[in-house]
Amino acid sequence: MRASGKSIATTSILVVMMQGIIASPSFAQTAPARPVARPAAATAAAAPKYRAPRTADGKPNLSGIWQAINTAEWDIQAHDAKAGPLVVMGAEGGIPAGLGVVEGGPLPYRPEALAKKKENEANWLALDPVVKCFLPGLPRATYMPFPFEIVQSPQHVSFAYEFDFASRVVNIGMKSKAPVDSWMGWSSGSWDGDTLVVDVTGMVEDTWFDRAGDYHSDALHLTERYTPTGPNTLLYGVTVDDPKVYTRPWKMSMPLYRRMEKNMQLLEYNCVPFAEEVMYGHLRRIRTPGEIQEGDDAPTENPSGK
């Protein structure tokens, strides 16, 4: 009992001493302060804005080979992974999941346009123009799994895409309209600070936005924005306006990354030979055994050529 009393007395003295230390001004001055959370806006304002290297005329130099790294080519909206349309491809032919690049939720389709989108998606291999090696159009060419190159001068900014030799020229300061609709459209450019703004019109209605059947009409109007955000990154944003298909304009955005490999260059992806059988195989005079119909006397040929 005597030892227990001493223990209680010692503990009481320690508690009193600690209370005195904590209350002292010197402790208050040396105690580490809790970190104060800064508002996001204040943090962003404190960060210095990236200033890109300049060309001879003082504009940001966007030249280089760039590529998007996302799943927008499969579906620009958020989507789960799923099996592809060809069973024989197995896991290699599956569709990867993606968070999507569309801002503000689902695409604002008009009811009748949404029905067509679903039909496109259900018949992707048969209806997607890219399967037949047609030019991909915009903005799809930007986020296909192929690189593209930007070369600029004071009057023009040229885009060369690896897929199917696609290309376009952005005319800086031009206000004229497209003389005729085309697969890659008519591009007019201007500078908004460090951002290249491209106005695209005059596109044929045959291109899609992705393999999921998202599409547009001949009334499509794009406003693209290319903003350098670092030595090897661009922020790509595009506003899509098509009153025939959508109830309001909508946006998508994504980073673009500079290809840094040694001796990096665009290579050929001449897809015409790859699509000939899909498009014109039914016109062959010599057919494979699997194509022969009852009563058909056309000569046959084994796929191996024997």
C-alpha atoms as a PDB file:
ATOM      1  CA  MET A   1       0.000   0.000   0.000  1.00  0.00           C
ATOM      2  CA  ARG A   2       2.903   2.291   0.813  1.00  0.00           C
ATOM      3  CA  ALA A   3       4.471   1.626  -2.622  1.00  0.00           C
ATOM      4  CA  SER A   4       1.134   2.288  -4.298  1.00  0.00           C
ATOM      5  CA  GLY A   5       0.823   5.657  -2.563  1.00  0.00           C
ATOM      6  CA  LYS A   6       4.264   6.697  -3.713  1.00  0.00           C
ATOM      7  CA  SER A   7       3.354   5.735  -7.325  1.00  0.00           C
ATOM      8  CA  ILE A   8       0.188   7.839  -7.224  1.00  0.00           C
ATOM      9  CA  ALA A   9       2.032  10.823  -5.805  1.00  0.00           C
ATOM     10  CA  THR A  10       4.752  10.582  -8.468  1.00  0.00           C
ATOM     11  CA  THR A  11       2.176  10.399 -11.265  1.00  0.00           C
ATOM     12  CA  SER A  12       0.321  13.433  -9.905  1.00  0.00           C
ATOM     13  CA  ILE A  13       3.539  15.489  -9.841  1.00  0.00           C
ATOM     14  CA  LEU A  14       4.323  14.550 -13.473  1.00  0.00           C
ATOM     15  CA  VAL A  15       0.848  15.541 -14.636  1.00  0.00           C
ATOM     16  CA  VAL A  16       1.116  18.955 -12.940  1.00  0.00           C
ATOM     17  CA  MET A  17       4.567  19.526 -14.476  1.00  0.00           C
ATOM     18  CA  MET A  18       3.328  18.664 -17.975  1.00  0.00           C
ATOM     19  CA  GLN A  19       0.359  21.003 -17.656  1.00  0.00           C
ATOM     20  CA  GLY A  20       2.698  23.807 -16.677  1.00  0.00           C
ATOM     21  CA  ILE A  21       5.015  23.155 -19.623  1.00  0.00           C
ATOM     22  CA  ILE A  22       2.186  23.050 -22.129  1.00  0.00           C
ATOM     23  CA  ALA A  23       0.731  26.315 -20.792  1.00  0.00           C
ATOM     24  CA  SER A  24       4.082  28.122 -20.928  1.00  0.00           C
ATOM     25  CA  PRO A  25       4.643  30.744 -23.696  1.00  0.00           C
ATOM     26  CA  SER A  26       7.923  29.125 -24.720  1.00  0.00           C
ATOM     27  CA  PHE A  27       6.195  25.830 -25.549  1.00  0.00           C
ATOM     28  CA  ALA A  28       3.563  27.625 -27.568  1.00  0.00           C
ATOM     29  CA  GLN A  29       6.276  29.327 -29.626  1.00  0.00           C
ATOM     30  CA  THR A  30       8.230  26.163 -30.365  1.00  0.00           C
ATOM     31  CA  ALA A  31       5.383  23.685 -30.879  1.00  0.00           C
ATOM     32  CA  PRO A  32       5.004  22.688 -34.557  1.00  0.00           C
ATOM     33  CA  ALA A  33       1.993  24.309 -36.174  1.00  0.00           C
ATOM     34  CA  ARG A  34      -0.604  22.174 -37.856  1.00  0.00           C
ATOM     35  CA  PRO A  35      -0.527  22.458 -41.662  1.00  0.00           C
ATOM     36  CA  VAL A  36      -3.259  24.728 -42.994  1.00  0.00           C
ATOM     37  CA  ALA A  37      -5.021  23.501 -46.115  1.00  0.00           C
ATOM     38  CA  ARG A  38      -4.739  25.961 -48.971  1.00  0.00           C
ATOM     39  CA  PRO A  39      -7.646  26.506 -51.314  1.00  0.00           C
ATOM     40  CA  ALA A  40      -7.121  24.826 -54.693  1.00  0.00           C
ATOM     41  CA  ALA A  41      -7.391  28.172 -56.462  1.00  0.00           C
ATOM     42  CA  ALA A  42      -4.624  29.662 -54.339  1.00  0.00           C
ATOM     43  CA  THR A  43      -2.355  26.673 -55.034  1.00  0.00           C
ATOM     44  CA  ALA A  44      -2.960  26.952 -58.776  1.00  0.00           C
ATOM     45  CA  ALA A  45      -2.303  30.671 -58.719  1.00  0.00           C
ATOM     46  CA  ALA A  46       0.982  30.139 -56.902  1.00  0.00           C
ATOM     47  CA  ALA A  47       2.246  27.652 -59.504  1.00  0.00           C
ATOM     48  CA  PRO A  48       4.125  29.385 -62.342  1.00  0.00           C
ATOM     49  CA  LYS A  49       2.466  29.028 -65.737  1.00  0.00           C
ATOM     50  CA  TYR A  50       4.484  27.019 -68.248  1.00  0.00           C
ATOM     51  CA  ARG A  51       5.967  29.091 -71.054  1.00  0.00           C
ATOM     52  CA  ALA A  52       6.677  27.051 -74.166  1.00  0.00           C
ATOM     53  CA  PRO A  53       9.718  27.621 -76.408  1.00  0.00           C
ATOM     54  CA  ARG A  54       9.066  30.178 -79.116  1.00  0.00           C
ATOM     55  CA  THR A  55       9.285  30.098 -82.888  1.00  0.00           C
ATOM     56  CA  ALA A  56      10.944  32.894 -84.847  1.00  0.00           C
ATOM     57  CA  ASP A  57       7.655  34.844 -84.911  1.00  0.00           C
ATOM     58  CA  GLY A  58       7.240  34.563 -81.130  1.00  0.00           C
ATOM     59  CA  LYS A  59       4.468  31.936 -81.061  1.00  0.00           C
ATOM     60  CA  PRO A  60       4.588  28.777 -78.900  1.00  0.00           C
ATOM     61  CA  ASN A  61       6.426  26.027 -80.727  1.00  0.00           C
ATOM     62  CA  LEU A  62       4.095  23.021 -80.950  1.00  0.00           C
ATOM     63  CA  SER A  63       6.248  21.149 -83.459  1.00  0.00           C
ATOM     64  CA  GLY A  64       6.924  17.511 -82.703  1.00  0.00           C
ATOM     65  CA  ILE A  65       5.435  14.027 -82.841  1.00  0.00           C
ATOM     66  CA  TRP A  66       2.563  13.545 -80.398  1.00  0.00           C
ATOM     67  CA  GLN A  67       0.200  10.801 -79.313  1.00  0.00           C
ATOM     68  CA  ALA A  68      -2.783  10.376 -77.016  1.00  0.00           C
ATOM     69  CA  ILE A  69      -2.690   7.533 -74.494  1.00  0.00           C
ATOM     70  CA  ASN A  70      -6.277   6.610 -73.654  1.00  0.00           C
ATOM     71  CA  THR A  71      -9.167   4.419 -74.791  1.00  0.00           C
ATOM     72  CA  ALA A  72     -11.148   7.107 -76.638  1.00  0.00           C
ATOM     73  CA  GLU A  73     -10.692   5.311 -79.954  1.00  0.00           C
ATOM     74  CA  TRP A  74     -12.814   2.461 -78.569  1.00  0.00           C
ATOM     75  CA  ASP A  75     -15.329   4.722 -76.843  1.00  0.00           C
ATOM     76  CA  ILE A  76     -15.084   8.423 -75.971  1.00  0.00           C
ATOM     77  CA  GLN A  77     -17.514   7.891 -73.078  1.00  0.00           C
ATOM     78  CA  ALA A  78     -16.793   5.965 -69.871  1.00  0.00           C
ATOM     79  CA  HIS A  79     -17.072   2.221 -70.490  1.00  0.00           C
ATOM     80  CA  ASP A  80     -16.286  -1.191 -69.018  1.00  0.00           C
ATOM     81  CA  ALA A  81     -13.982  -3.760 -70.539  1.00  0.00           C
ATOM     82  CA  LYS A  82     -15.745  -6.293 -72.723  1.00  0.00           C
ATOM     83  CA  ALA A  83     -15.135  -8.932 -75.346  1.00  0.00           C
ATOM     84  CA  GLY A  84     -14.427  -7.806 -78.876  1.00  0.00           C
ATOM     85  CA  PRO A  85     -16.511  -8.681 -81.941  1.00  0.00           C
ATOM     86  CA  LEU A  86     -14.156 -11.460 -83.129  1.00  0.00           C
ATOM     87  CA  VAL A  87     -14.244 -14.565 -80.923  1.00  0.00           C
ATOM     88  CA  VAL A  88     -11.067 -15.970 -82.491  1.00  0.00           C
ATOM     89  CA  MET A  89      -9.087 -12.962 -81.171  1.00  0.00           C
ATOM     90  CA  GLY A  90      -9.785 -13.953 -77.574  1.00  0.00           C
ATOM     91  CA  ALA A  91      -8.261 -11.661 -74.956  1.00  0.00           C
ATOM     92  CA  GLU A  92      -6.149  -9.915 -77.602  1.00  0.00           C
ATOM     93  CA  GLY A  93      -9.302  -8.655 -79.296  1.00  0.00           C
ATOM     94  CA  GLY A  94     -11.022  -7.393 -76.160  1.00  0.00           C
ATOM     95  CA  ILE A  95     -12.042  -3.788 -75.579  1.00  0.00           C
ATOM     96  CA  PRO A  96     -10.195  -2.129 -72.660  1.00  0.00           C
ATOM     97  CA  ALA A  97     -12.094  -0.189 -70.013  1.00  0.00           C
ATOM     98  CA  GLY A  98     -11.847   3.588 -70.013  1.00  0.00           C
ATOM     99  CA  LEU A  99     -12.823   6.592 -67.923  1.00  0.00           C
ATOM    100  CA  GLY A 100     -13.906   8.503 -71.008  1.00  0.00           C
ATOM    101  CA  VAL A 101     -12.826  11.904 -72.298  1.00  0.00           C
ATOM    102  CA  VAL A 102     -16.233  13.575 -72.512  1.00  0.00           C
ATOM    103  CA  GLU A 103     -16.860  16.366 -70.013  1.00  0.00           C
ATOM    104  CA  GLY A 104     -20.178  16.706 -68.229  1.00  0.00           C
ATOM    105  CA  GLY A 105     -21.718  13.261 -68.444  1.00  0.00           C
ATOM    106  CA  PRO A 106     -23.406  11.321 -71.273  1.00  0.00           C
ATOM    107  CA  LEU A 107     -23.545  12.754 -74.770  1.00  0.00           C
ATOM    108  CA  PRO A 108     -26.681  14.885 -75.281  1.00  0.00           C
ATOM    109  CA  TYR A 109     -28.116  12.895 -78.195  1.00  0.00           C
ATOM    110  CA  ARG A 110     -31.460  13.720 -79.699  1.00  0.00           C
ATOM    111  CA  PRO A 111     -33.773  10.697 -79.279  1.00  0.00           C
ATOM    112  CA  GLU A 112     -33.734   9.710 -82.937  1.00  0.00           C
ATOM    113  CA  ALA A 113     -29.958  10.196 -83.118  1.00  0.00           C
ATOM    114  CA  LEU A 114     -29.410   7.985 -80.076  1.00  0.00           C
ATOM    115  CA  ALA A 115     -31.229   5.166 -81.840  1.00  0.00           C
ATOM    116  CA  LYS A 116     -28.842   5.456 -84.768  1.00  0.00           C
ATOM    117  CA  LYS A 117     -25.830   5.505 -82.434  1.00  0.00           C
ATOM    118  CA  LYS A 118     -26.986   2.200 -80.898  1.00  0.00           C
ATOM    119  CA  GLU A 119     -27.443   0.715 -84.371  1.00  0.00           C
ATOM    120  CA  ASN A 120     -23.923   1.832 -85.308  1.00  0.00           C
ATOM    121  CA  GLU A 121     -22.474   0.240 -82.184  1.00  0.00           C
ATOM    122  CA  ALA A 122     -24.280  -3.044 -82.773  1.00  0.00           C
ATOM    123  CA  ASN A 123     -22.907  -3.193 -86.333  1.00  0.00           C
ATOM    124  CA  TRP A 124     -19.490  -1.679 -85.728  1.00  0.00           C
ATOM    125  CA  LEU A 125     -17.421  -3.908 -88.039  1.00  0.00           C
ATOM    126  CA  ALA A 126     -19.842  -3.499 -90.911  1.00  0.00           C
ATOM    127  CA  LEU A 127     -20.465   0.244 -90.586  1.00  0.00           C
ATOM    128  CA  ASP A 128     -17.361   1.934 -89.126  1.00  0.00           C
ATOM    129  CA  PRO A 129     -15.671   3.823 -92.011  1.00  0.00           C
ATOM    130  CA  VAL A 130     -12.219   3.293 -90.468  1.00  0.00           C
ATOM    131  CA  VAL A 131     -12.607  -0.494 -90.835  1.00  0.00           C
ATOM    132  CA  LYS A 132     -12.718   0.133 -94.584  1.00  0.00           C
ATOM    133  CA  CYS A 133      -9.628   2.374 -94.417  1.00  0.00           C
ATOM    134  CA  PHE A 134     -11.461   5.637 -95.009  1.00  0.00           C
ATOM    135  CA  LEU A 135      -9.897   8.717 -93.433  1.00  0.00           C
ATOM    136  CA  PRO A 136     -10.837   8.975 -89.738  1.00  0.00           C
ATOM    137  CA  GLY A 137     -11.829  12.641 -89.702  1.00  0.00           C
ATOM    138  CA  LEU A 138     -11.626  14.889 -86.671  1.00  0.00           C
ATOM    139  CA  PRO A 139     -11.301  14.746 -83.775  1.00  0.00           C
ATOM    140  CA  ARG A 140     -10.863  10.957 -84.047  1.00  0.00           C
ATOM    141  CA  ALA A 141      -7.501  11.201 -85.837  1.00  0.00           C
ATOM    142  CA  THR A 142      -6.109  12.891 -82.717  1.00  0.00           C
ATOM    143  CA  TYR A 143      -6.696   9.988 -80.322  1.00  0.00           C
ATOM    144  CA  MET A 144      -6.359   6.920 -82.520  1.00  0.00           C
ATOM    145  CA  PRO A 145      -3.528   4.607 -81.359  1.00  0.00           C
ATOM    146  CA  PHE A 146      -1.174   6.168 -83.901  1.00  0.00           C
ATOM    147  CA  PRO A 147       1.162   9.167 -83.564  1.00  0.00           C
ATOM    148  CA  PHE A 148       0.829  12.398 -85.520  1.00  0.00           C
ATOM    149  CA  GLU A 149       3.255  15.202 -86.288  1.00  0.00           C
ATOM    150  CA  ILE A 150       2.833  18.969 -86.026  1.00  0.00           C
ATOM    151  CA  VAL A 151       4.989  21.323 -88.098  1.00  0.00           C
ATOM    152  CA  GLN A 152       4.331  25.052 -87.994  1.00  0.00           C
ATOM    153  CA  SER A 153       5.204  28.296 -89.723  1.00  0.00           C
ATOM    154  CA  PRO A 154       3.785  31.805 -89.197  1.00  0.00           C
ATOM    155  CA  GLN A 155       1.045  31.227 -91.785  1.00  0.00           C
ATOM    156  CA  HIS A 156       0.343  27.509 -91.471  1.00  0.00           C
ATOM    157  CA  VAL A 157       0.309  24.655 -88.969  1.00  0.00           C
ATOM    158  CA  SER A 158       0.370  21.259 -90.642  1.00  0.00           C
ATOM    159  CA  PHE A 159      -0.810  17.992 -89.106  1.00  0.00           C
ATOM    160  CA  ALA A 160       0.358  14.663 -90.536  1.00  0.00           C
ATOM    161  CA  TYR A 161      -1.230  11.510 -89.114  1.00  0.00           C
ATOM    162  CA  GLU A 162       0.330   8.069 -89.365  1.00  0.00           C
ATOM    163  CA  PHE A 163      -2.987   6.326 -90.019  1.00  0.00           C
ATOM    164  CA  ASP A 164      -3.779   6.101 -93.736  1.00  0.00           C
ATOM    165  CA  PHE A 165      -1.540   9.087 -94.671  1.00  0.00           C
ATOM    166  CA  ALA A 166      -4.178  11.472 -93.287  1.00  0.00           C
ATOM    167  CA  SER A 167      -3.207  15.141 -93.145  1.00  0.00           C
ATOM    168  CA  ARG A 168      -4.552  18.676 -92.949  1.00  0.00           C
ATOM    169  CA  VAL A 169      -3.254  22.229 -92.966  1.00  0.00           C
ATOM    170  CA  VAL A 170      -4.452  24.860 -90.503  1.00  0.00           C
ATOM    171  CA  ASN A 171      -4.393  28.281 -92.135  1.00  0.00           C
ATOM    172  CA  ILE A 172      -3.638  30.947 -89.542  1.00  0.00           C
ATOM    173  CA  GLY A 173      -5.937  33.963 -89.758  1.00  0.00           C
ATOM    174  CA  MET A 174      -7.982  32.583 -92.659  1.00  0.00           C
ATOM    175  CA  LYS A 175     -11.697  33.373 -92.571  1.00  0.00           C
ATOM    176  CA  SER A 176     -12.846  31.683 -95.799  1.00  0.00           C
ATOM    177  CA  LYS A 177     -15.264  28.769 -95.880  1.00  0.00           C
ATOM    178  CA  ALA A 178     -14.641  25.260 -97.164  1.00  0.00           C
ATOM    179  CA  PRO A 179     -15.038  25.091-100.954  1.00  0.00           C
ATOM    180  CA  VAL A 180     -16.248  21.487-100.597  1.00  0.00           C
ATOM    181  CA  ASP A 181     -16.820  19.072 -97.735  1.00  0.00           C
ATOM    182  CA  SER A 182     -14.009  16.590 -97.101  1.00  0.00           C
ATOM    183  CA  TRP A 183     -13.022  13.772 -94.754  1.00  0.00           C
ATOM    184  CA  MET A 184     -10.587  15.914 -92.727  1.00  0.00           C
ATOM    185  CA  GLY A 185     -12.546  19.165 -92.941  1.00  0.00           C
ATOM    186  CA  TRP A 186     -11.496  22.787 -93.424  1.00  0.00           C
ATOM    187  CA  SER A 187      -9.274  24.192 -90.653  1.00  0.00           C
ATOM    188  CA  SER A 188      -8.797  27.867 -89.804  1.00  0.00           C
ATOM    189  CA  GLY A 189      -6.494  28.840 -86.955  1.00  0.00           C
ATOM    190  CA  SER A 190      -5.719  31.675 -84.562  1.00  0.00           C
ATOM    191  CA  TRP A 191      -3.718  32.181 -81.370  1.00  0.00           C
ATOM    192  CA  ASP A 192      -5.271  32.826 -77.966  1.00  0.00           C
ATOM    193  CA  GLY A 193      -2.198  33.533 -75.882  1.00  0.00           C
ATOM    194  CA  ASP A 194      -0.225  30.281 -75.895  1.00  0.00           C
ATOM    195  CA  THR A 195      -3.183  28.256 -77.203  1.00  0.00           C
ATOM    196  CA  LEU A 196      -3.653  27.337 -80.848  1.00  0.00           C
ATOM    197  CA  VAL A 197      -7.377  27.569 -81.593  1.00  0.00           C
ATOM    198  CA  VAL A 198      -8.588  25.704 -84.696  1.00  0.00           C
ATOM    199  CA  ASP A 199     -12.035  26.154 -86.202  1.00  0.00           C
ATOM    200  CA  VAL A 200     -13.018  23.070 -88.241  1.00  0.00           C
ATOM    201  CA  THR A 201     -15.978  22.955 -90.621  1.00  0.00           C
ATOM    202  CA  GLY A 202     -16.802  21.360 -93.956  1.00  0.00           C
ATOM    203  CA  MET A 203     -16.581  17.717 -92.848  1.00  0.00           C
ATOM    204  CA  VAL A 204     -18.462  14.919 -94.552  1.00  0.00           C
ATOM    205  CA  GLU A 205     -21.004  13.187 -92.353  1.00  0.00           C
ATOM    206  CA  ASP A 206     -19.457   9.745 -92.860  1.00  0.00           C
ATOM    207  CA  THR A 207     -16.829   9.836 -90.099  1.00  0.00           C
ATOM    208  CA  TRP A 208     -17.363   8.571 -86.561  1.00  0.00           C
ATOM    209  CA  PHE A 209     -15.929   9.708 -83.231  1.00  0.00           C
ATOM    210  CA  ASP A 210     -15.048   6.167 -82.054  1.00  0.00           C
ATOM    211  CA  ARG A 211     -15.694   2.460 -82.513  1.00  0.00           C
ATOM    212  CA  ALA A 212     -18.760   2.685 -80.271  1.00  0.00           C
ATOM    213  CA  GLY A 213     -20.777   4.293 -83.053  1.00  0.00           C
ATOM    214  CA  ASP A 214     -20.788   7.903 -81.787  1.00  0.00           C
ATOM    215  CA  TYR A 215     -21.304   9.994 -84.889  1.00  0.00           C
ATOM    216  CA  HIS A 216     -22.220  13.404 -86.322  1.00  0.00           C
ATOM    217  CA  SER A 217     -23.983  14.994 -89.273  1.00  0.00           C
ATOM    218  CA  ASP A 218     -22.846  17.336 -92.044  1.00  0.00           C
ATOM    219  CA  ALA A 219     -23.575  20.241 -89.663  1.00  0.00           C
ATOM    220  CA  LEU A 220     -20.562  19.390 -87.470  1.00  0.00           C
ATOM    221  CA  HIS A 221     -18.543  22.346 -86.199  1.00  0.00           C
ATOM    222  CA  LEU A 222     -15.425  21.759 -84.085  1.00  0.00           C
ATOM    223  CA  THR A 223     -13.432  24.234 -82.026  1.00  0.00           C
ATOM    224  CA  GLU A 224     -10.087  22.678 -81.104  1.00  0.00           C
ATOM    225  CA  ARG A 225      -7.585  24.027 -78.570  1.00  0.00           C
ATOM    226  CA  TYR A 226      -3.943  22.939 -78.304  1.00  0.00           C
ATOM    227  CA  THR A 227      -2.209  24.314 -75.192  1.00  0.00           C
ATOM    228  CA  PRO A 228       1.373  23.471 -74.144  1.00  0.00           C
ATOM    229  CA  THR A 229       1.430  22.429 -70.482  1.00  0.00           C
ATOM    230  CA  GLY A 230       5.026  21.226 -70.215  1.00  0.00           C
ATOM    231  CA  PRO A 231       8.097  20.495 -72.347  1.00  0.00           C
ATOM    232  CA  ASN A 232       6.582  17.218 -73.563  1.00  0.00           C
ATOM    233  CA  THR A 233       2.828  17.607 -73.048  1.00  0.00           C
ATOM    234  CA  LEU A 234      -0.074  19.409 -74.692  1.00  0.00           C
ATOM    235  CA  LEU A 235      -3.629  19.753 -73.451  1.00  0.00           C
ATOM    236  CA  TYR A 236      -6.080  19.012 -76.262  1.00  0.00           C
ATOM    237  CA  GLY A 237      -9.647  20.214 -75.928  1.00  0.00           C
ATOM    238  CA  VAL A 238     -12.449  20.248 -78.469  1.00  0.00           C
ATOM    239  CA  THR A 239     -15.986  21.607 -78.441  1.00  0.00           C
ATOM    240  CA  VAL A 240     -18.423  19.670 -80.618  1.00  0.00           C
ATOM    241  CA  ASP A 241     -21.435  21.512 -82.017  1.00  0.00           C
ATOM    242  CA  ASP A 242     -23.908  19.609 -84.198  1.00  0.00           C
ATOM    243  CA  PRO A 243     -27.553  20.674 -83.732  1.00  0.00           C
ATOM    244  CA  LYS A 244     -28.821  17.924 -86.026  1.00  0.00           C
ATOM    245  CA  VAL A 245     -27.546  15.160 -83.734  1.00  0.00           C
ATOM    246  CA  TYR A 246     -27.103  16.748 -80.281  1.00  0.00           C
ATOM    247  CA  THR A 247     -29.293  18.999 -78.158  1.00  0.00           C
ATOM    248  CA  ARG A 248     -26.363  21.217 -77.127  1.00  0.00           C
ATOM    249  CA  PRO A 249     -22.613  21.608 -77.714  1.00  0.00           C
ATOM    250  CA  TRP A 250     -20.367  19.339 -75.645  1.00  0.00           C
ATOM    251  CA  LYS A 251     -16.661  19.026 -74.907  1.00  0.00           C
ATOM    252  CA  MET A 252     -13.921  16.495 -74.538  1.00  0.00           C
ATOM    253  CA  SER A 253     -10.305  16.916 -73.483  1.00  0.00           C
ATOM    254  CA  MET A 254      -7.143  14.864 -72.990  1.00  0.00           C
ATOM    255  CA  PRO A 255      -3.386  15.234 -72.662  1.00  0.00           C
ATOM    256  CA  LEU A 256      -1.119  14.597 -75.633  1.00  0.00           C
ATOM    257  CA  TYR A 257       2.390  13.274 -75.080  1.00  0.00           C
ATOM    258  CA  ARG A 258       5.533  13.893 -77.096  1.00  0.00           C
ATOM    259  CA  ARG A 259       7.085  10.732 -78.509  1.00  0.00           C
ATOM    260  CA  MET A 260      10.611  10.693 -77.127  1.00  0.00           C
ATOM    261  CA  GLU A 261      12.176   7.658 -78.808  1.00  0.00           C
ATOM    262  CA  LYS A 262      15.514   8.057 -80.519  1.00  0.00           C
ATOM    263  CA  ASN A 263      15.063   8.799 -84.237  1.00  0.00           C
ATOM    264  CA  MET A 264      11.269   8.931 -83.774  1.00  0.00           C
ATOM    265  CA  GLN A 265       9.412   9.425 -87.038  1.00  0.00           C
ATOM    266  CA  LEU A 266       6.057   8.681 -88.606  1.00  0.00           C
ATOM    267  CA  LEU A 267       5.968   5.352 -90.396  1.00  0.00           C
ATOM    268  CA  GLU A 268       3.556   4.127 -93.034  1.00  0.00           C
ATOM    269  CA  TYR A 269       0.242   2.591 -92.145  1.00  0.00           C
ATOM    270  CA  ASN A 270      -1.088   1.984 -95.620  1.00  0.00           C
ATOM    271  CA  CYS A 271      -4.307   0.224 -94.701  1.00  0.00           C
ATOM    272  CA  VAL A 272      -5.741  -0.030 -98.226  1.00  0.00           C
ATOM    273  CA  PRO A 273      -4.398  -3.566 -98.812  1.00  0.00           C
ATOM    274  CA  PHE A 274      -5.740  -4.604 -95.405  1.00  0.00           C
ATOM    275  CA  ALA A 275      -9.272  -3.541 -96.316  1.00  0.00           C
ATOM    276  CA  GLU A 276      -9.476  -4.830 -99.894  1.00  0.00           C
ATOM    277  CA  GLU A 277     -10.807  -8.245 -98.917  1.00  0.00           C
ATOM    278  CA  VAL A 278     -13.410  -6.682 -96.601  1.00  0.00           C
ATOM    279  CA  MET A 279     -14.655  -4.300 -99.266  1.00  0.00           C
ATOM    280  CA  TYR A 280     -14.165  -6.145-102.541  1.00  0.00           C
ATOM    281  CA  GLY A 281     -13.725  -9.828-101.670  1.00  0.00           C
ATOM    282  CA  HIS A 282     -17.217 -10.620-102.874  1.00  0.00           C
ATOM    283  CA  LEU A 283     -16.233  -9.485-106.387  1.00  0.00           C
ATOM    284  CA  ARG A 284     -13.454 -12.068-106.835  1.00  0.00           C
ATOM    285  CA  ARG A 285     -13.960 -14.504-109.702  1.00  0.00           C
ATOM    286  CA  ILE A 286     -12.111 -17.153-107.733  1.00  0.00           C
ATOM    287  CA  ARG A 287     -13.711 -17.783-104.367  1.00  0.00           C
ATOM    288  CA  THR A 288     -12.764 -19.721-101.283  1.00  0.00           C
ATOM    289  CA  PRO A 289     -14.745 -22.915-100.522  1.00  0.00           C
ATOM    290  CA  GLY A 290     -16.517 -21.167 -97.666  1.00  0.00           C
ATOM    291  CA  GLU A 291     -17.956 -18.559-100.033  1.00  0.00           C
ATOM    292  CA  ILE A 292     -19.451 -20.924-102.564  1.00  0.00           C
ATOM    293  CA  GLN A 293     -23.213 -20.860-102.668  1.00  0.00           C
ATOM    294  CA  GLU A 294     -25.524 -23.533-104.026  1.00  0.00           C
ATOM    295  CA  GLY A 295     -25.671 -23.378-107.806  1.00  0.00           C
ATOM    296  CA  ASP A 296     -22.563 -21.194-108.025  1.00  0.00           C
ATOM    297  CA  ASP A 297     -20.207 -22.468-110.722  1.00  0.00           C
ATOM    298  CA  ALA A 298     -17.410 -19.977-110.048  1.00  0.00           C
ATOM    299  CA  PRO A 299     -13.953 -21.568-109.758  1.00  0.00           C
ATOM    300  CA  THR A 300     -12.705 -22.115-106.219  1.00  0.00           C
ATOM    301  CA  GLU A 301      -9.369 -21.480-104.621  1.00  0.00           C
ATOM    302  CA  ASN A 302      -8.017 -22.712-101.320  1.00  0.00           C
ATOM    303  CA  PRO A 303      -7.055 -19.785 -99.005  1.00  0.00           C
ATOM    304  CA  SER A 304      -3.508 -21.197 -98.950  1.00  0.00           C
ATOM    305  CA  GLY A 305      -3.306 -20.606-102.682  1.00  0.00           C
ATOM    306  CA  LYS A 306      -3.042 -24.319-103.560  1.00  0.00           C
END
